[in-house]
Amino acid sequence: MRVVQTVQALREALRPFDSPAFVPTMGNLHAGHLALMQQASQHGDVRVASIFVNRLQFAPNEDFDAYPRTFEPDCAALETAGCDIVFAPRPIWFTRLPRWQICWRDSTARGFLLASARSS
């Protein structure tokens, strides 16, 4: 299993494939995430998961900093579930963009794109 941290590295990793199956997560994986990863092989020729604790998923009164970060055990579980690529962008990379969102696939299903969205 390959772990990548940038969109460029992800595009490189996806280049040999035609149809990635993507399971987005914020880490701290449970059986539901792993079941989705196992089913992903039916929907694409490469299985990709993201691990990114998204600040936008938290309301102002929720504690973003207290959300469990379990990267190593999550990667081990994803590998066991058949994941081929983990996209784990560094949070600092996203803070440099004033507006962002990850879109699952472009129109040719050959990669991931960045698009505008509201950011905090």
C-alpha atoms as a PDB file:
ATOM      1  CA  MET A   1       0.000   0.000   0.000  1.00  0.00           C
ATOM      2  CA  ARG A   2       1.275   3.427  -0.936  1.00  0.00           C
ATOM      3  CA  VAL A   3       0.767   6.571   1.190  1.00  0.00           C
ATOM      4  CA  VAL A   4       0.815   9.933  -0.629  1.00  0.00           C
ATOM      5  CA  GLN A   5       0.495  13.443   0.790  1.00  0.00           C
ATOM      6  CA  THR A   6       0.085  15.755  -2.206  1.00  0.00           C
ATOM      7  CA  VAL A   7      -2.357  15.969  -5.090  1.00  0.00           C
ATOM      8  CA  GLN A   8       0.579  15.671  -7.504  1.00  0.00           C
ATOM      9  CA  ALA A   9       1.739  12.427  -5.860  1.00  0.00           C
ATOM     10  CA  LEU A  10      -1.817  11.122  -5.901  1.00  0.00           C
ATOM     11  CA  ARG A  11      -2.185  11.864  -9.604  1.00  0.00           C
ATOM     12  CA  GLU A  12       1.105  10.046 -10.271  1.00  0.00           C
ATOM     13  CA  ALA A  13      -0.036   7.039  -8.258  1.00  0.00           C
ATOM     14  CA  LEU A  14      -3.351   6.955 -10.145  1.00  0.00           C
ATOM     15  CA  ARG A  15      -1.865   7.407 -13.620  1.00  0.00           C
ATOM     16  CA  PRO A  16      -1.713   3.655 -14.467  1.00  0.00           C
ATOM     17  CA  PHE A  17      -5.353   3.129 -13.505  1.00  0.00           C
ATOM     18  CA  ASP A  18      -8.629   3.887 -15.254  1.00  0.00           C
ATOM     19  CA  SER A  19     -11.239   3.926 -12.499  1.00  0.00           C
ATOM     20  CA  PRO A  20     -10.306   4.688  -8.884  1.00  0.00           C
ATOM     21  CA  ALA A  21     -12.745   3.707  -6.138  1.00  0.00           C
ATOM     22  CA  PHE A  22     -12.489   6.284  -3.342  1.00  0.00           C
ATOM     23  CA  VAL A  23     -13.400   5.992   0.347  1.00  0.00           C
ATOM     24  CA  PRO A  24     -13.036   9.369   2.109  1.00  0.00           C
ATOM     25  CA  THR A  25     -12.404   9.252   5.864  1.00  0.00           C
ATOM     26  CA  MET A  26     -11.252  11.415   8.729  1.00  0.00           C
ATOM     27  CA  GLY A  27      -9.375   8.488  10.218  1.00  0.00           C
ATOM     28  CA  ASN A  28     -10.292   6.799  13.501  1.00  0.00           C
ATOM     29  CA  LEU A  29     -11.645   3.998  11.328  1.00  0.00           C
ATOM     30  CA  HIS A  30     -14.380   1.562  12.272  1.00  0.00           C
ATOM     31  CA  ALA A  31     -15.876  -1.558  10.663  1.00  0.00           C
ATOM     32  CA  GLY A  32     -18.067   0.515   8.337  1.00  0.00           C
ATOM     33  CA  HIS A  33     -15.064   2.222   6.744  1.00  0.00           C
ATOM     34  CA  LEU A  34     -13.325  -1.110   6.260  1.00  0.00           C
ATOM     35  CA  ALA A  35     -16.436  -2.711   4.743  1.00  0.00           C
ATOM     36  CA  LEU A  36     -16.582   0.150   2.216  1.00  0.00           C
ATOM     37  CA  MET A  37     -12.923  -0.411   1.353  1.00  0.00           C
ATOM     38  CA  GLN A  38     -13.518  -4.115   0.817  1.00  0.00           C
ATOM     39  CA  GLN A  39     -16.486  -3.338  -1.474  1.00  0.00           C
ATOM     40  CA  ALA A  40     -14.467  -0.760  -3.421  1.00  0.00           C
ATOM     41  CA  SER A  41     -12.807  -3.457  -5.533  1.00  0.00           C
ATOM     42  CA  GLN A  42     -16.174  -4.012  -7.234  1.00  0.00           C
ATOM     43  CA  HIS A  43     -16.275  -0.370  -8.344  1.00  0.00           C
ATOM     44  CA  GLY A  44     -12.792   0.440  -9.602  1.00  0.00           C
ATOM     45  CA  ASP A  45      -9.412  -0.883 -10.601  1.00  0.00           C
ATOM     46  CA  VAL A  46      -7.584   0.774  -7.699  1.00  0.00           C
ATOM     47  CA  ARG A  47      -8.807   1.325  -4.140  1.00  0.00           C
ATOM     48  CA  VAL A  48      -8.023   4.693  -2.578  1.00  0.00           C
ATOM     49  CA  ALA A  49      -8.805   6.019   0.895  1.00  0.00           C
ATOM     50  CA  SER A  50      -8.219   9.444   2.329  1.00  0.00           C
ATOM     51  CA  ILE A  51      -7.313  10.148   5.918  1.00  0.00           C
ATOM     52  CA  PHE A  52      -7.841  13.818   6.638  1.00  0.00           C
ATOM     53  CA  VAL A  53      -9.369  15.359   9.752  1.00  0.00           C
ATOM     54  CA  ASN A  54     -11.368  18.114   8.105  1.00  0.00           C
ATOM     55  CA  ARG A  55     -11.816  21.207  10.235  1.00  0.00           C
ATOM     56  CA  LEU A  56     -14.916  22.058   8.175  1.00  0.00           C
ATOM     57  CA  GLN A  57     -16.697  18.992   9.589  1.00  0.00           C
ATOM     58  CA  PHE A  58     -16.697  20.553  13.064  1.00  0.00           C
ATOM     59  CA  ALA A  59     -19.140  23.182  14.299  1.00  0.00           C
ATOM     60  CA  PRO A  60     -17.673  26.160  16.187  1.00  0.00           C
ATOM     61  CA  ASN A  61     -18.544  24.561  19.549  1.00  0.00           C
ATOM     62  CA  GLU A  62     -17.069  21.146  18.652  1.00  0.00           C
ATOM     63  CA  ASP A  63     -13.495  20.281  19.583  1.00  0.00           C
ATOM     64  CA  PHE A  64     -11.506  19.711  16.395  1.00  0.00           C
ATOM     65  CA  ASP A  65      -8.312  19.245  18.417  1.00  0.00           C
ATOM     66  CA  ALA A  66      -9.838  16.414  20.484  1.00  0.00           C
ATOM     67  CA  TYR A  67     -10.775  14.271  17.456  1.00  0.00           C
ATOM     68  CA  PRO A  68      -8.709  11.047  17.639  1.00  0.00           C
ATOM     69  CA  ARG A  69      -5.769  10.822  15.229  1.00  0.00           C
ATOM     70  CA  THR A  70      -4.985   7.125  14.738  1.00  0.00           C
ATOM     71  CA  PHE A  71      -2.974   7.220  11.517  1.00  0.00           C
ATOM     72  CA  GLU A  72      -0.743   4.143  11.921  1.00  0.00           C
ATOM     73  CA  PRO A  73      -3.502   1.750  13.063  1.00  0.00           C
ATOM     74  CA  ASP A  74      -5.790   3.173  10.363  1.00  0.00           C
ATOM     75  CA  CYS A  75      -3.187   2.491   7.668  1.00  0.00           C
ATOM     76  CA  ALA A  76      -2.676  -1.062   8.941  1.00  0.00           C
ATOM     77  CA  ALA A  77      -6.443  -1.677   8.881  1.00  0.00           C
ATOM     78  CA  LEU A  78      -6.801  -0.181   5.389  1.00  0.00           C
ATOM     79  CA  GLU A  79      -4.004  -2.352   4.055  1.00  0.00           C
ATOM     80  CA  THR A  80      -5.668  -5.449   5.507  1.00  0.00           C
ATOM     81  CA  ALA A  81      -8.959  -4.369   3.888  1.00  0.00           C
ATOM     82  CA  GLY A  82      -7.301  -4.156   0.452  1.00  0.00           C
ATOM     83  CA  CYS A  83      -6.531  -0.450   0.117  1.00  0.00           C
ATOM     84  CA  ASP A  84      -3.949   0.333  -2.571  1.00  0.00           C
ATOM     85  CA  ILE A  85      -3.350   4.060  -1.958  1.00  0.00           C
ATOM     86  CA  VAL A  86      -3.886   6.285   1.076  1.00  0.00           C
ATOM     87  CA  PHE A  87      -4.171  10.005   0.409  1.00  0.00           C
ATOM     88  CA  ALA A  88      -3.143  11.713   3.658  1.00  0.00           C
ATOM     89  CA  PRO A  89      -2.600  15.392   2.915  1.00  0.00           C
ATOM     90  CA  ARG A  90      -0.737  17.419   5.486  1.00  0.00           C
ATOM     91  CA  PRO A  91      -3.047  20.008   7.065  1.00  0.00           C
ATOM     92  CA  ILE A  92      -0.551  22.811   6.415  1.00  0.00           C
ATOM     93  CA  TRP A  93      -0.910  22.174   2.667  1.00  0.00           C
ATOM     94  CA  PHE A  94      -4.622  22.989   2.845  1.00  0.00           C
ATOM     95  CA  THR A  95      -4.183  26.059   5.038  1.00  0.00           C
ATOM     96  CA  ARG A  96      -2.283  27.699   2.197  1.00  0.00           C
ATOM     97  CA  LEU A  97      -5.407  27.578   0.026  1.00  0.00           C
ATOM     98  CA  PRO A  98      -8.028  30.217   0.836  1.00  0.00           C
ATOM     99  CA  ARG A  99     -10.866  28.053  -0.533  1.00  0.00           C
ATOM    100  CA  TRP A 100     -10.808  24.306  -1.235  1.00  0.00           C
ATOM    101  CA  GLN A 101     -12.660  21.047  -1.518  1.00  0.00           C
ATOM    102  CA  ILE A 102     -11.645  17.617  -2.769  1.00  0.00           C
ATOM    103  CA  CYS A 103     -13.754  16.310  -5.641  1.00  0.00           C
ATOM    104  CA  TRP A 104     -13.824  12.539  -6.000  1.00  0.00           C
ATOM    105  CA  ARG A 105     -12.990  12.267  -9.715  1.00  0.00           C
ATOM    106  CA  ASP A 106     -12.645  14.376 -12.807  1.00  0.00           C
ATOM    107  CA  SER A 107     -14.815  13.780 -15.870  1.00  0.00           C
ATOM    108  CA  THR A 108     -12.455  11.103 -17.212  1.00  0.00           C
ATOM    109  CA  ALA A 109     -12.285   9.281 -13.865  1.00  0.00           C
ATOM    110  CA  ARG A 110      -8.492   9.441 -14.004  1.00  0.00           C
ATOM    111  CA  GLY A 111      -7.698  11.591 -11.009  1.00  0.00           C
ATOM    112  CA  PHE A 112      -8.681  13.975  -8.283  1.00  0.00           C
ATOM    113  CA  LEU A 113      -9.323  17.678  -8.627  1.00  0.00           C
ATOM    114  CA  LEU A 114      -9.444  20.691  -6.359  1.00  0.00           C
ATOM    115  CA  ALA A 115     -12.464  22.980  -6.523  1.00  0.00           C
ATOM    116  CA  SER A 116     -13.718  25.958  -4.581  1.00  0.00           C
ATOM    117  CA  ALA A 117     -15.641  25.649  -1.359  1.00  0.00           C
ATOM    118  CA  ARG A 118     -16.103  27.718   1.756  1.00  0.00           C
ATOM    119  CA  SER A 119     -13.241  27.386   4.208  1.00  0.00           C
ATOM    120  CA  SER A 120     -12.852  28.579   7.788  1.00  0.00           C
END
